[in-house]
């Protein structure tokens, strides 16, 4: 004598496999959000904590702009 109908086995297997895929998709989504510019603040200019004189370093000390700024030749 069976307590549950036969289709219950298929339903429970589908539910378990579905849960595994849903959990994997949630972890993937959380990893993508964690690496996104929204969380990492990529591209957000931060205020300088100390006043910085480019004239002193370039003119006075002769330091090339490319020493600190990698994109100086693109401008």
Protein backbone atom coordinates (compact mmCIF):
# COMPACT_ATOMS: atom_id res chain seq x y z
CA UNK A 1 0.00 0.00 0.00
CA UNK A 2 1.41 3.40 -1.06
CA UNK A 3 0.92 6.48 1.04
CA UNK A 4 1.77 8.94 -1.73
CA UNK A 5 0.83 8.82 -5.38
CA UNK A 6 3.49 7.75 -7.89
CA UNK A 7 3.75 11.22 -9.42
CA UNK A 8 4.98 12.52 -6.07
CA UNK A 9 8.43 11.03 -6.77
CA UNK A 10 8.77 12.97 -10.03
CA UNK A 11 7.47 16.11 -8.40
CA UNK A 12 9.95 15.86 -5.53
CA UNK A 13 12.87 15.23 -7.93
CA UNK A 14 11.89 18.23 -10.04
CA UNK A 15 11.60 20.37 -6.91
CA UNK A 16 15.05 19.34 -5.65
CA UNK A 17 16.72 19.93 -9.04
CA UNK A 18 14.87 23.21 -9.41
CA UNK A 19 16.00 24.33 -5.97
CA UNK A 20 19.62 23.55 -6.84
CA UNK A 21 19.38 25.67 -10.00
CA UNK A 22 17.65 28.51 -8.16
CA UNK A 23 20.33 28.55 -5.44
CA UNK A 24 23.08 28.49 -8.09
CA UNK A 25 21.41 31.36 -9.94
CA UNK A 26 21.15 33.37 -6.72
CA UNK A 27 24.84 32.88 -5.96
CA UNK A 28 25.72 33.89 -9.52
CA UNK A 29 23.52 37.01 -9.27
CA UNK A 30 25.05 37.98 -5.92
CA UNK A 31 28.57 37.55 -7.35
CA UNK A 32 27.70 39.76 -10.33
CA UNK A 33 26.23 42.43 -8.08
CA UNK A 34 29.26 42.28 -5.77
CA UNK A 35 31.59 42.88 -8.74
CA UNK A 36 29.46 45.60 -10.32
CA UNK A 37 30.52 49.25 -10.47
CA UNK A 38 27.54 50.05 -8.24
CA UNK A 39 29.20 48.24 -5.32
CA UNK A 40 32.88 48.81 -6.18
CA UNK A 41 32.38 52.52 -7.05
CA UNK A 42 34.45 52.06 -10.22
CA UNK A 43 34.64 55.31 -12.14
CA UNK A 44 33.58 57.47 -9.20
CA UNK A 45 36.03 60.30 -8.61
CA UNK A 46 36.89 60.66 -4.96
CA UNK A 47 37.74 64.03 -3.49
CA UNK A 48 41.42 64.65 -2.84
CA UNK A 49 42.12 64.63 0.91
CA UNK A 50 45.14 66.91 0.52
CA UNK A 51 45.50 69.89 -1.85
CA UNK A 52 47.89 68.84 -4.62
CA UNK A 53 49.91 71.20 -6.80
CA UNK A 54 50.63 69.78 -10.25
CA UNK A 55 52.63 72.88 -11.08
CA UNK A 56 55.10 72.21 -8.26
CA UNK A 57 55.66 68.59 -9.24
CA UNK A 58 55.81 69.06 -13.02
CA UNK A 59 57.53 72.46 -13.29
CA UNK A 60 59.52 72.51 -10.08
CA UNK A 61 60.57 68.86 -9.73
CA UNK A 62 60.37 67.86 -13.40
CA UNK A 63 58.22 64.77 -12.82
CA UNK A 64 56.58 63.54 -16.02
CA UNK A 65 52.76 63.44 -16.00
CA UNK A 66 52.83 59.80 -17.14
CA UNK A 67 54.43 58.80 -13.85
CA UNK A 68 51.06 59.21 -12.09
CA UNK A 69 48.51 59.51 -14.91
CA UNK A 70 48.33 56.60 -17.34
CA UNK A 71 45.77 58.27 -19.65
CA UNK A 72 47.58 61.58 -20.11
CA UNK A 73 48.36 60.95 -23.80
CA UNK A 74 44.69 60.32 -24.61
CA UNK A 75 43.70 63.91 -23.83
